[in-house]
Protein backbone atom coordinates (compact mmCIF):
# COMPACT_ATOMS: atom_id res chain seq x y z
CA MET A 1 -9.95 13.84 14.99
CA PHE A 2 -8.12 11.23 12.90
CA ASP A 3 -4.40 10.55 13.28
CA TRP A 4 -2.50 13.41 11.64
CA ASN A 5 1.21 13.95 10.94
CA ASP A 6 2.87 17.03 9.44
CA TYR A 7 6.16 15.75 8.02
CA GLY A 8 7.26 19.12 6.69
CA HIS A 9 7.92 20.14 3.07
CA GLY A 10 4.16 20.16 2.46
CA VAL A 11 3.77 16.44 3.21
CA TYR A 12 0.90 15.41 5.49
CA CYS A 13 -0.14 11.93 6.53
CA PHE A 14 -3.53 11.05 7.94
CA ASP A 15 -5.49 7.94 8.80
CA SER A 16 -7.84 6.80 6.04
CA GLY A 17 -10.08 5.15 8.64
CA TYR A 18 -9.86 1.88 6.75
CA ALA A 19 -10.60 -1.25 8.84
CA ARG A 20 -8.81 -0.19 12.03
CA PRO A 21 -6.86 2.83 13.31
CA GLU A 22 -3.46 3.40 11.68
CA LEU A 23 -3.76 0.54 9.23
CA ALA A 24 -3.85 2.57 6.01
CA ALA A 25 -2.59 6.09 5.48
CA ILE A 26 -3.45 8.70 2.89
CA TYR A 27 -0.86 11.33 2.02
CA LEU A 28 -1.68 14.93 1.20
CA LEU A 29 0.93 16.97 -0.67
CA VAL A 30 0.57 20.75 -0.78
CA GLU A 31 2.55 23.09 -3.01
CA ASN A 32 1.71 26.80 -3.08
CA GLY A 33 -2.01 26.30 -2.58
CA ARG A 34 -2.41 23.28 -4.85
CA ALA A 35 -2.85 19.75 -3.55
CA ALA A 36 -2.46 16.08 -4.43
CA PHE A 37 -3.53 12.96 -2.60
CA ILE A 38 -1.55 9.73 -2.75
CA ASP A 39 -3.77 6.66 -2.30
CA THR A 40 -7.38 6.97 -1.23
CA GLY A 41 -8.51 4.32 1.23
CA SER A 42 -12.18 3.46 0.69
CA ASN A 43 -15.29 5.56 0.10
CA ALA A 44 -15.56 5.98 3.87
CA SER A 45 -12.15 7.73 3.79
CA VAL A 46 -13.35 10.67 1.72
CA PRO A 47 -14.63 12.76 4.67
CA ASN A 48 -11.17 12.47 6.23
CA ALA A 49 -9.61 13.66 2.97
CA ILE A 50 -11.89 16.70 2.88
CA ALA A 51 -11.15 17.40 6.55
CA ALA A 52 -7.43 17.19 5.77
CA LEU A 53 -7.81 19.83 3.07
CA GLN A 54 -9.68 22.09 5.48
CA LYS A 55 -6.97 21.57 8.10
CA VAL A 56 -4.38 23.11 5.75
CA GLY A 57 -6.72 25.90 4.61
CA LEU A 58 -7.72 24.42 1.24
CA ASP A 59 -10.94 23.10 -0.28
CA GLU A 60 -12.11 20.57 -2.83
CA THR A 61 -11.27 22.81 -5.80
CA SER A 62 -7.59 22.91 -4.75
CA VAL A 63 -6.87 19.28 -5.66
CA ASP A 64 -4.97 18.78 -8.93
CA PHE A 65 -4.17 15.07 -8.65
CA VAL A 66 -5.37 11.89 -7.00
CA ILE A 67 -2.39 9.54 -7.36
CA LEU A 68 -2.71 5.78 -6.93
CA THR A 69 0.30 3.63 -6.14
CA HIS A 70 -1.79 0.68 -7.35
CA ILE A 71 -5.43 -0.35 -7.63
CA HIS A 72 -5.89 -2.75 -4.71
CA LEU A 73 -9.01 -1.47 -3.00
CA ASP A 74 -7.42 -0.41 0.29
CA HIS A 75 -5.39 2.01 -1.86
CA ALA A 76 -7.87 2.86 -4.61
CA GLY A 77 -11.37 1.99 -3.40
CA GLY A 78 -12.23 5.63 -2.71
CA ALA A 79 -10.82 6.98 -5.98
CA GLY A 80 -14.14 7.25 -7.82
CA LEU A 81 -15.84 9.13 -5.01
CA MET A 82 -12.80 11.38 -4.53
CA MET A 83 -12.90 12.29 -8.20
CA GLN A 84 -16.56 13.22 -7.83
CA LYS A 85 -15.74 15.46 -4.87
CA PHE A 86 -12.65 17.09 -6.40
CA PRO A 87 -13.82 18.63 -9.69
CA ASN A 88 -10.40 19.84 -10.91
CA ALA A 89 -8.47 16.65 -10.17
CA LYS A 90 -6.93 14.16 -12.55
CA LEU A 91 -6.47 10.54 -11.49
CA VAL A 92 -2.90 9.28 -11.93
CA VAL A 93 -2.49 5.51 -12.24
CA HIS A 94 -0.20 2.92 -13.81
CA PRO A 95 -1.27 2.09 -17.40
CA ARG A 96 -2.28 -1.45 -16.39
CA GLY A 97 -4.74 -0.02 -13.88
CA VAL A 98 -6.53 2.46 -16.15
CA ARG A 99 -9.21 0.15 -17.53
CA HIS A 100 -10.16 -0.99 -14.03
CA MET A 101 -10.68 2.60 -12.94
CA VAL A 102 -12.84 3.32 -15.99
CA GLU A 103 -14.83 0.12 -15.55
CA PRO A 104 -14.27 -1.34 -12.07
CA SER A 105 -16.65 -4.30 -12.33
CA LYS A 106 -13.92 -6.89 -12.96
CA LEU A 107 -11.83 -5.51 -10.11
CA VAL A 108 -14.81 -5.70 -7.76
CA ALA A 109 -15.69 -9.19 -8.99
CA GLY A 110 -12.20 -10.43 -8.19
CA VAL A 111 -12.36 -9.13 -4.63
CA THR A 112 -15.91 -10.42 -4.21
CA ALA A 113 -14.84 -13.90 -5.29
CA VAL A 114 -12.41 -14.00 -2.39
CA TYR A 115 -14.38 -12.23 0.36
CA GLY A 116 -18.03 -12.31 -0.64
CA SER A 117 -20.37 -9.50 -1.66
CA GLU A 118 -21.48 -8.64 1.87
CA PHE A 119 -17.91 -8.00 3.03
CA VAL A 120 -17.02 -5.99 -0.08
CA GLN A 121 -20.10 -3.80 0.23
CA SER A 122 -19.58 -3.15 3.93
CA MET A 123 -15.84 -2.48 3.59
CA TYR A 124 -15.75 -0.51 0.33
CA GLY A 125 -19.26 0.49 -0.69
CA ASP A 126 -19.94 1.06 -4.39
CA ILE A 127 -16.73 1.40 -6.42
CA LEU A 128 -17.49 4.27 -8.77
CA PRO A 129 -16.16 4.48 -12.35
CA ILE A 130 -13.98 7.37 -13.47
CA ALA A 131 -14.26 9.03 -16.88
CA ALA A 132 -11.30 8.11 -19.09
CA GLU A 133 -10.63 11.76 -19.96
CA ARG A 134 -9.89 12.48 -16.30
CA ILE A 135 -7.22 9.77 -16.05
CA ILE A 136 -3.48 10.18 -16.61
CA GLU A 137 -1.57 7.01 -17.51
CA ALA A 138 1.67 7.15 -15.54
CA GLY A 139 4.24 4.72 -16.85
CA ASP A 140 7.81 4.32 -15.62
CA LYS A 141 9.60 7.67 -15.10
CA PHE A 142 6.43 9.67 -15.78
CA VAL A 143 6.79 13.18 -14.34
CA LEU A 144 3.96 15.07 -12.69
CA ASN A 145 4.07 18.80 -12.02
CA LEU A 146 2.24 19.83 -8.86
CA ASN A 147 2.35 23.61 -9.18
CA GLY A 148 6.10 23.51 -9.80
CA ARG A 149 6.85 20.50 -7.61
CA GLU A 150 8.19 17.51 -9.53
CA LEU A 151 6.83 14.08 -8.70
CA VAL A 152 8.27 11.11 -10.58
CA CYS A 153 6.37 7.83 -10.93
CA ILE A 154 8.55 4.72 -11.10
CA GLU A 155 7.28 1.26 -11.98
CA THR A 156 7.88 -1.19 -9.14
CA ASP A 157 6.80 -4.74 -9.91
CA GLY A 158 6.67 -7.57 -7.38
CA HIS A 159 3.64 -6.79 -5.26
CA ALA A 160 1.50 -6.09 -8.31
CA ARG A 161 2.29 -5.50 -11.97
CA HIS A 162 0.37 -2.22 -11.86
CA HIS A 163 2.39 -0.71 -9.00
CA ASN A 164 4.10 2.68 -9.06
CA CYS A 165 6.09 4.41 -6.37
CA ILE A 166 6.32 8.20 -6.40
CA ILE A 167 9.59 10.08 -5.90
CA ASP A 168 9.33 13.49 -4.23
CA LYS A 169 12.71 15.18 -4.36
CA LYS A 170 11.53 18.16 -2.30
CA SER A 171 10.99 16.01 0.78
CA ASP A 172 13.76 13.54 -0.14
CA GLY A 173 11.24 10.71 0.03
CA ILE A 174 9.41 8.05 -1.90
CA PHE A 175 5.74 7.17 -1.51
CA THR A 176 5.91 3.40 -1.63
CA GLY A 177 2.34 2.08 -1.51
CA ASP A 178 2.89 -1.59 -0.65
CA MET A 179 6.30 -2.02 -2.24
CA PHE A 180 8.36 -1.27 0.88
CA GLY A 181 6.14 -3.44 3.02
CA LEU A 182 4.28 -2.93 6.29
CA SER A 183 5.47 -1.08 9.37
CA TYR A 184 2.85 -0.54 12.05
CA ARG A 185 3.38 2.01 14.78
CA GLU A 186 2.15 -0.40 17.48
CA THR A 187 5.34 -2.40 17.02
CA ASP A 188 7.83 0.49 17.28
CA VAL A 189 10.49 0.05 19.98
CA ASP A 190 12.63 3.00 21.11
CA ASP A 191 12.23 4.82 17.78
CA ARG A 192 13.12 1.65 15.86
CA VAL A 193 10.60 0.27 13.39
CA PHE A 194 9.77 -3.29 12.39
CA ILE A 195 9.14 -3.88 8.71
CA PHE A 196 7.66 -6.87 6.90
CA PRO A 197 6.87 -7.57 3.23
CA THR A 198 3.34 -7.70 1.87
CA THR A 199 2.91 -10.46 -0.72
CA THR A 200 -0.83 -10.28 -1.34
CA PRO A 201 -2.53 -11.99 -4.30
CA SER A 202 -2.56 -12.25 -7.15
CA GLN A 203 0.63 -10.96 -8.79
CA PHE A 204 3.30 -11.53 -6.15
CA ASP A 205 6.71 -12.21 -7.72
CA PRO A 206 9.63 -12.49 -5.27
CA GLN A 207 12.38 -11.87 -7.82
CA ALA A 208 10.62 -8.78 -9.17
CA MET A 209 10.06 -7.58 -5.61
CA ARG A 210 13.77 -7.87 -4.85
CA ARG A 211 14.61 -5.90 -8.00
CA SER A 212 12.13 -3.19 -7.07
CA ILE A 213 13.57 -2.88 -3.56
CA ASP A 214 17.03 -2.51 -5.07
CA LYS A 215 15.67 0.16 -7.41
CA LEU A 216 14.14 2.12 -4.54
CA VAL A 217 17.19 1.88 -2.31
CA GLY A 218 19.41 2.87 -5.23
CA ILE A 219 17.67 6.25 -5.33
CA SER A 220 19.03 6.86 -1.79
CA PRO A 221 15.98 8.56 -0.28
CA LYS A 222 16.03 9.77 3.30
CA TYR A 223 12.44 8.67 3.85
CA MET A 224 9.96 6.07 2.71
CA TYR A 225 6.28 7.02 3.04
CA LEU A 226 4.37 3.76 3.53
CA THR A 227 0.63 3.39 3.11
CA HIS A 228 0.78 0.85 5.96
CA TYR A 229 1.74 3.01 7.92
CA GLY A 230 3.52 6.35 7.90
CA ARG A 231 7.03 7.65 7.30
CA VAL A 232 10.12 5.56 8.03
CA THR A 233 13.80 6.38 7.75
CA ASN A 234 17.06 4.38 7.96
CA VAL A 235 16.09 3.07 4.53
CA ALA A 236 19.19 1.01 3.75
CA GLN A 237 18.97 -0.98 6.99
CA LEU A 238 15.22 -1.51 6.68
CA SER A 239 15.65 -2.79 3.14
CA LYS A 240 18.05 -5.47 4.41
CA GLU A 241 15.53 -6.54 7.05
CA PHE A 242 12.75 -6.52 4.45
CA LEU A 243 14.72 -8.78 2.11
CA ARG A 244 15.69 -11.13 4.95
CA HIS A 245 12.03 -11.53 5.95
CA LEU A 246 11.04 -11.99 2.31
CA SER A 247 13.57 -14.79 1.83
CA VAL A 248 12.37 -16.63 4.94
CA ALA A 249 8.72 -16.30 3.90
CA VAL A 250 9.41 -17.56 0.38
CA ASP A 251 11.56 -20.46 1.60
CA THR A 252 8.83 -21.40 4.08
CA ALA A 253 6.19 -21.38 1.36
CA LEU A 254 8.36 -23.49 -0.94
CA TYR A 255 9.00 -26.02 1.81
CA VAL A 256 5.31 -26.36 2.67
CA HIS A 257 4.43 -26.59 -1.02
CA GLY A 258 6.78 -29.55 -1.31
CA LEU A 259 4.76 -31.46 1.30
CA ASN A 260 1.99 -31.97 -1.30
CA LEU A 261 -0.83 -31.03 1.08
CA ASP A 262 -4.31 -30.18 -0.09
CA ALA A 263 -5.04 -26.48 -0.61
CA ALA A 264 -6.67 -25.86 2.78
CA ALA A 265 -3.93 -27.66 4.71
CA ARG A 266 -1.21 -25.86 2.74
CA HIS A 267 -2.77 -22.46 3.46
CA LYS A 268 -3.06 -23.21 7.18
CA ARG A 269 0.50 -24.49 7.40
CA ILE A 270 1.93 -21.41 5.65
CA THR A 271 -0.26 -19.04 7.68
CA ASP A 272 0.69 -20.65 10.98
CA ALA A 273 4.38 -20.58 10.07
CA LEU A 274 4.24 -16.88 9.16
CA HIS A 275 2.46 -16.02 12.41
CA ALA A 276 5.10 -17.91 14.38
CA TYR A 277 7.91 -16.21 12.44
CA VAL A 278 6.52 -12.70 12.91
CA LEU A 279 5.99 -13.32 16.62
CA MET A 280 9.57 -14.60 17.02
CA GLN A 281 11.03 -11.68 15.08
CA LEU A 282 9.07 -9.13 17.10
CA ARG A 283 10.22 -10.70 20.35
CA LEU A 284 13.83 -10.52 19.16
CA PHE A 285 13.16 -6.91 18.12
CA GLY A 286 12.08 -6.13 21.68
CA CYS A 287 8.35 -5.67 21.09
CA SER A 288 6.36 -6.08 24.33
CA LEU A 289 2.87 -6.41 22.83
CA SER A 290 1.00 -9.52 23.91
CA ASP A 291 0.93 -12.53 21.61
CA ALA A 292 -2.79 -11.93 21.10
CA LYS A 293 -2.26 -8.28 20.13
CA ILE A 294 0.50 -9.17 17.66
CA HIS A 295 -1.80 -11.77 16.14
CA ASP A 296 -4.57 -9.17 15.82
CA VAL A 297 -2.26 -6.60 14.20
CA PHE A 298 -0.91 -8.99 11.57
CA GLU A 299 -3.76 -11.47 11.13
CA GLY A 300 -5.24 -9.97 7.98
CA ASP A 301 -1.87 -9.26 6.38
CA ILE A 302 -0.53 -12.74 7.02
CA ALA A 303 -3.64 -14.38 5.59
CA LEU A 304 -3.25 -12.28 2.44
CA ASN A 305 0.50 -12.91 2.31
CA ALA A 306 -0.12 -16.64 2.41
CA GLN A 307 -2.68 -16.37 -0.39
CA GLY A 308 -0.28 -14.34 -2.50
CA MET A 309 2.50 -16.85 -2.09
CA GLU A 310 0.14 -19.72 -2.86
CA VAL A 311 -0.88 -18.12 -6.16
CA TRP A 312 2.81 -17.70 -6.97
CA LEU A 313 3.57 -21.31 -5.96
CA ASP A 314 0.83 -22.58 -8.23
CA SER A 315 2.21 -20.54 -11.12
CA LEU A 316 5.56 -22.34 -10.81
CA SER A 317 4.03 -25.61 -11.98
CA MET A 318 1.98 -24.14 -14.83
C-alpha cells in the first residue's frame, strides 16, 4: 500500500508514486461524502487516487473537483486521465494554465525540449486534453464550495506565474504546491523539518517568491500542505529558513553569473555550489544521512533549481 496520512478534518495525503517514494504527494479532501483532489502526479498516479477514494468509502462519482496548484507535470500530468475517470469532476486551475489543459501540446513540447521524448513518455505517458467546459478558471481569491466547505484560491507568483495556493479554513492550512518549497521526510530530525526553495524553470522570480511567502505567512495558518512532501507546521520559523536559503541560492547564482562562464560551466558551478550548500545546511541541522543519500534525495531538485535561476539570470540582461 502507498504511503498514507490521515491529517484529520477530512484531509488525507498519499504518495502519488511519482519518480520515487515520498517525492510527490496528492491530497484528498472529503466533506460529507464529496471529494476533491489537490494536484495529480502523473498518469501512473491515478490508480493510487482511486485506491484513496476506496479507502475512505467513496468512488469515482464522488469527486467534485480536481484542483491544480500549477501545471508543471509532476503536479498536473495526471489531470487529463483523472478527469476521464471522475465523470462529475471539474478541473480547477489558474487562468494562465487553462489553455495548456485544453491543448497540452505546447506544455509537453516544452518539457520534451529539456528532457527528450523518451523520458517524457516513460515518466508521464500521454498528457490528455480536457474539455474547456469542464474547467474552472480560478483567479486570485476565487472561492470553491466543496459541499459546504470553503476553499479559497490565492495567486502566488514566484515559482510560476500560473501558481495558486489553496486556503482551507476548516483544517487551518494552506495547500502550497511548490510555493513553500521542498521538505522531504528523509531529512527530518527529532520532529524538526528541513525546508528548501524550489526555483525550477522557466518563470522563477525571487522578488515575487518573497512576496508570495509573505502573503502566505500573513494568513497565519497552522499548517502548510506541501506537494513535496506532506504537512509541516511551525510556519513562521520555516518561512524564515526558506527565505534565508533563497537569498543564499540567489546570491550564489548572481556571483557565478558574474564570472562570465559558458552555459555548461555556469550550470555546473551553480549546481555544485547548491549541492555543497544543502549538504552543509543538513549537517548543521543534524541530519545523519550519508553524503551520497543526500545527493540522491536532492539531485533532481537542485538541477532544476539551477536551471530556473539560470533562466532568471539570462532575463536580467534582456
